[in-house]
């Protein structure tokens, strides 16, 4: 098992309770996202910091989609297929990101699987 997989296995797998955010404008969203990106880059000023955050965010978003899909499946809600398909796309994005090298500090770099 790779170091990255071991780290994800050890990470808390808590379901996040999301709050209603419809009160934000698109500009406010972008301001918040950029504020956190800038804070991250103050701590770790390398391209790997952005990749790491992207990998973690995509991983969490995929878990959310898997959870919603499972709940929809349990209630025979046909939207489960949509949520499941999107979860698959997020897993694909995660897999692609882990094959992109951002430098010597990139411990998330995995070799692409042979097809």
Protein backbone atom coordinates (compact mmCIF):
# COMPACT_ATOMS: atom_id res chain seq x y z
CA UNK A 1 0.00 0.00 0.00
CA UNK A 2 1.33 3.45 -0.84
CA UNK A 3 2.11 6.11 1.74
CA UNK A 4 -0.77 8.24 0.40
CA UNK A 5 -3.29 5.42 0.77
CA UNK A 6 -2.07 4.75 4.31
CA UNK A 7 -2.55 8.41 5.20
CA UNK A 8 -6.09 8.47 3.80
CA UNK A 9 -6.89 5.26 5.71
CA UNK A 10 -5.75 6.92 8.96
CA UNK A 11 -7.61 10.19 8.30
CA UNK A 12 -10.89 10.80 10.09
CA UNK A 13 -13.81 9.72 7.94
CA UNK A 14 -16.43 11.93 9.46
CA UNK A 15 -19.48 13.05 7.58
CA UNK A 16 -19.45 16.80 7.44
CA UNK A 17 -22.69 18.52 8.26
CA UNK A 18 -23.04 21.22 5.65
CA UNK A 19 -24.84 24.46 6.31
CA UNK A 20 -26.93 26.53 3.97
CA UNK A 21 -24.64 28.93 2.12
CA UNK A 22 -27.05 30.49 -0.34
CA UNK A 23 -26.43 33.86 1.28
CA UNK A 24 -22.98 34.07 -0.35
CA UNK A 25 -22.49 35.73 -3.72
CA UNK A 26 -20.09 34.27 -6.26
CA UNK A 27 -17.63 37.04 -5.44
CA UNK A 28 -17.83 36.22 -1.72
CA UNK A 29 -17.19 32.55 -2.44
CA UNK A 30 -14.13 33.41 -4.51
CA UNK A 31 -12.85 35.81 -1.86
CA UNK A 32 -13.12 33.09 0.79
CA UNK A 33 -11.48 30.46 -1.44
CA UNK A 34 -8.63 32.83 -2.31
CA UNK A 35 -8.16 33.81 1.34
CA UNK A 36 -7.64 30.17 2.27
CA UNK A 37 -5.40 29.55 -0.73
CA UNK A 38 -3.25 32.52 0.28
CA UNK A 39 -3.09 31.28 3.89
CA UNK A 40 -1.99 27.86 2.65
CA UNK A 41 0.71 29.35 0.44
CA UNK A 42 1.98 31.43 3.37
CA UNK A 43 2.58 28.16 5.23
CA UNK A 44 3.78 26.05 2.30
CA UNK A 45 4.84 28.13 -0.68
CA UNK A 46 5.17 25.36 -3.27
CA UNK A 47 2.99 23.99 -6.06
CA UNK A 48 2.68 20.83 -3.96
CA UNK A 49 0.61 22.77 -1.41
CA UNK A 50 -2.03 23.46 -4.06
CA UNK A 51 -1.96 19.87 -5.29
CA UNK A 52 -2.24 18.56 -1.74
CA UNK A 53 -5.23 20.76 -0.99
CA UNK A 54 -6.87 19.80 -4.29
CA UNK A 55 -6.35 16.07 -3.61
CA UNK A 56 -7.79 16.36 -0.10
CA UNK A 57 -10.77 18.46 -1.23
CA UNK A 58 -11.57 16.09 -4.10
CA UNK A 59 -11.26 13.11 -1.76
CA UNK A 60 -13.71 14.71 0.71
CA UNK A 61 -16.12 15.69 -2.05
CA UNK A 62 -16.05 12.13 -3.40
CA UNK A 63 -16.83 10.78 0.09
CA UNK A 64 -19.77 13.19 0.30
CA UNK A 65 -21.10 12.05 -3.09
CA UNK A 66 -20.69 8.39 -2.09
CA UNK A 67 -22.64 9.03 1.12
CA UNK A 68 -25.48 10.85 -0.64
CA UNK A 69 -25.61 8.15 -3.31
CA UNK A 70 -25.84 5.40 -0.68
CA UNK A 71 -28.63 7.16 1.18
CA UNK A 72 -30.53 7.74 -2.08
CA UNK A 73 -30.08 4.08 -3.04
CA UNK A 74 -31.47 2.93 0.32
CA UNK A 75 -34.67 4.91 -0.32
CA UNK A 76 -34.93 3.87 -4.00
CA UNK A 77 -34.31 7.46 -5.05
CA UNK A 78 -33.31 7.42 -8.73
CA UNK A 79 -30.88 10.32 -8.17
CA UNK A 80 -28.53 7.78 -6.57
CA UNK A 81 -27.20 7.03 -10.06
CA UNK A 82 -26.34 10.67 -10.66
CA UNK A 83 -24.57 10.99 -7.30
CA UNK A 84 -22.74 7.73 -7.89
CA UNK A 85 -21.63 8.75 -11.38
CA UNK A 86 -20.32 12.07 -10.04
CA UNK A 87 -18.49 10.22 -7.25
CA UNK A 88 -16.79 8.14 -9.93
CA UNK A 89 -15.74 11.28 -11.78
CA UNK A 90 -14.30 12.68 -8.57
CA UNK A 91 -12.37 9.46 -7.99
CA UNK A 92 -11.02 9.78 -11.55
CA UNK A 93 -9.94 13.37 -10.86
CA UNK A 94 -8.23 12.21 -7.67
CA UNK A 95 -6.42 9.47 -9.59
CA UNK A 96 -5.27 11.92 -12.26
CA UNK A 97 -3.96 14.44 -9.72
CA UNK A 98 -1.89 11.79 -8.00
CA UNK A 99 -0.03 11.13 -11.28
CA UNK A 100 1.01 14.78 -11.70
CA UNK A 101 4.39 15.68 -10.20
CA UNK A 102 4.76 19.05 -8.49
CA UNK A 103 8.34 18.67 -7.28
CA UNK A 104 10.66 16.73 -5.03
CA UNK A 105 8.42 17.19 -1.94
CA UNK A 106 5.45 15.53 -3.68
CA UNK A 107 4.83 12.36 -1.65
CA UNK A 108 1.36 12.06 -3.25
CA UNK A 109 2.84 11.16 -6.63
CA UNK A 110 1.74 7.70 -7.73
CA UNK A 111 2.68 5.86 -10.86
CA UNK A 112 -0.19 5.52 -13.34
CA UNK A 113 -1.66 2.02 -13.48
CA UNK A 114 -1.07 0.01 -16.63
CA UNK A 115 -4.24 -0.59 -18.60
